[in-house]
Structure formats: structure tokens, C-alpha cells
């Protein structure tokens, strides 16, 4: 995901930016659909709407906060290219944190089994 936001800043071509943005939106929509399915699969039916709504609210709030931080002149006030670099840095950071989390779970599972 980080590549789809970093690549346009390096190449600086409008067509590449549009194509990368389309891929980014496809990836995000797919990930959200899979995450929603995994969450809903483990819930009781009466909690589904609440959890999915809360998840959407938290995601929207975090998106708004990140946008406010990089755009507002009183906080960072970055130009568009640097904004995309910050967003791609966040995406890469989350991917690294996710893989570290999965590696720790695997290590603890192997330690408990052996």
C-alpha cells in the first residue's frame, strides 16, 4: 500500500498518480471487506452493526486526524508531494507493525507447542 502512495511522488506523473490512486483504493476496499468479514464471522448477529459502525467511525476519525495534521498550516502544512510521502510512511509503518505482530504470534505459538 505504501508503494502506491510513494510511487507518484517519485515519478511525478499525473497518469501514474491516478493509476496508483486507483490501486490504493482497490487495496483499501479489499482489506476493509476482508476485515469486516473476519470480524463479523466471530460476532453474534445483534452486535454486527455496532462493531462495523464503530470500526468505520474510528477509521474515518483517524483518516480525518491524519489529513488535518499534514494539511493544516498550524500543524505541519506540507505541500502535496510531502503529504503523500507522509501517508506512504504511515502505510509502510502499519505493514511492518502487522508483520511484527504476526511474527510474535507465530513465535509464541511455536514456543507453547514445543
Protein backbone atom coordinates (compact mmCIF):
# COMPACT_ATOMS: atom_id res chain seq x y z
CA UNK A 1 0.00 0.00 0.00
CA UNK A 2 2.83 2.36 0.78
CA UNK A 3 4.22 1.86 -2.71
CA UNK A 4 1.01 3.09 -4.33
CA UNK A 5 1.30 6.41 -2.49
CA UNK A 6 5.08 6.78 -2.70
CA UNK A 7 5.50 5.97 -6.41
CA UNK A 8 3.65 9.09 -7.68
CA UNK A 9 5.85 11.33 -5.54
CA UNK A 10 8.98 9.83 -7.05
CA UNK A 11 7.84 9.79 -10.69
CA UNK A 12 5.67 12.95 -10.56
CA UNK A 13 3.46 11.99 -13.49
CA UNK A 14 -0.28 12.65 -13.33
CA UNK A 15 -1.26 9.41 -15.06
CA UNK A 16 0.91 7.34 -12.74
CA UNK A 17 -0.67 9.16 -9.78
CA UNK A 18 -4.20 8.33 -10.99
CA UNK A 19 -3.34 4.68 -11.61
CA UNK A 20 -1.66 4.36 -8.19
CA UNK A 21 -4.62 6.05 -6.53
CA UNK A 22 -6.99 3.58 -8.16
CA UNK A 23 -4.86 0.65 -6.98
CA UNK A 24 -4.66 2.13 -3.48
CA UNK A 25 -8.45 2.45 -3.29
CA UNK A 26 -8.89 -1.12 -4.54
CA UNK A 27 -6.44 -2.42 -1.93
CA UNK A 28 -8.06 -0.44 0.90
CA UNK A 29 -11.58 -1.53 -0.08
CA UNK A 30 -10.50 -5.15 -0.31
CA UNK A 31 -8.74 -5.04 3.06
CA UNK A 32 -11.74 -3.40 4.73
CA UNK A 33 -14.09 -6.01 3.24
CA UNK A 34 -11.90 -8.88 4.45
CA UNK A 35 -11.50 -7.32 7.89
CA UNK A 36 -15.24 -6.75 8.17
CA UNK A 37 -15.92 -10.36 7.20
CA UNK A 38 -13.42 -11.69 9.74
CA UNK A 39 -14.90 -9.51 12.48
CA UNK A 40 -18.49 -10.38 11.57
CA UNK A 41 -17.71 -14.10 11.41
CA UNK A 42 -16.80 -14.14 15.09
CA UNK A 43 -19.68 -11.96 16.33
CA UNK A 44 -23.21 -12.59 17.38
CA UNK A 45 -25.73 -11.22 14.89
CA UNK A 46 -27.01 -8.44 17.15
CA UNK A 47 -23.50 -6.96 17.59
CA UNK A 48 -22.57 -6.88 13.90
CA UNK A 49 -23.97 -3.42 13.10
CA UNK A 50 -22.45 -1.86 16.20
CA UNK A 51 -18.96 -3.25 15.63
CA UNK A 52 -18.88 -2.49 11.91
CA UNK A 53 -20.21 1.03 12.55
CA UNK A 54 -17.68 1.62 15.31
CA UNK A 55 -14.89 0.37 13.05
CA UNK A 56 -15.98 2.76 10.27
CA UNK A 57 -16.21 5.64 12.75
CA UNK A 58 -12.73 5.02 14.14
CA UNK A 59 -11.26 4.64 10.63
CA UNK A 60 -12.90 7.88 9.49
CA UNK A 61 -11.71 9.74 12.57
CA UNK A 62 -8.13 8.55 12.14
CA UNK A 63 -8.23 9.50 8.45
CA UNK A 64 -9.55 12.95 9.31
CA UNK A 65 -6.92 13.42 12.00
CA UNK A 66 -4.06 12.36 9.71
CA UNK A 67 -5.33 14.67 6.95
CA UNK A 68 -5.66 17.59 9.37
CA UNK A 69 -2.13 17.07 10.69
CA UNK A 70 -0.40 17.08 7.31
CA UNK A 71 -2.55 19.74 5.58
CA UNK A 72 -3.22 22.40 8.25
CA UNK A 73 -0.75 25.28 8.24
CA UNK A 74 -0.80 25.44 12.05
CA UNK A 75 0.43 21.84 12.38
CA UNK A 76 2.64 20.62 9.53
CA UNK A 77 1.26 22.40 6.47
CA UNK A 78 3.07 20.18 4.00
CA UNK A 79 2.93 20.56 0.21
CA UNK A 80 1.10 17.78 -1.69
CA UNK A 81 4.17 15.70 -2.57
CA UNK A 82 5.35 15.59 1.04
CA UNK A 83 1.79 14.77 2.16
CA UNK A 84 1.88 11.64 0.02
CA UNK A 85 5.30 10.76 1.41
CA UNK A 86 3.93 11.00 4.94
CA UNK A 87 0.90 8.85 4.01
CA UNK A 88 3.14 6.23 2.40
CA UNK A 89 5.32 6.25 5.51
CA UNK A 90 2.24 5.54 7.64
CA UNK A 91 1.24 2.69 5.33
CA UNK A 92 4.71 1.14 5.46
CA UNK A 93 4.81 1.55 9.24
CA UNK A 94 1.47 -0.24 9.66
CA UNK A 95 2.59 -3.08 7.39
CA UNK A 96 5.80 -3.52 9.38
CA UNK A 97 3.89 -3.44 12.67
CA UNK A 98 1.41 -6.01 11.35
CA UNK A 99 4.15 -8.40 10.25
CA UNK A 100 5.96 -7.98 13.58
CA UNK A 101 2.69 -8.79 15.37
CA UNK A 102 2.15 -11.89 13.24
CA UNK A 103 5.77 -13.00 13.78
CA UNK A 104 5.37 -12.62 17.55
CA UNK A 105 2.14 -14.64 17.49
CA UNK A 106 3.86 -17.37 15.49
CA UNK A 107 6.84 -17.39 17.84
CA UNK A 108 4.63 -17.67 20.93
CA UNK A 109 2.55 -20.39 19.29
CA UNK A 110 5.68 -22.40 18.46
CA UNK A 111 7.09 -21.83 21.95
CA UNK A 112 3.86 -23.05 23.57
CA UNK A 113 3.69 -26.11 21.31
CA UNK A 114 7.34 -27.10 21.74
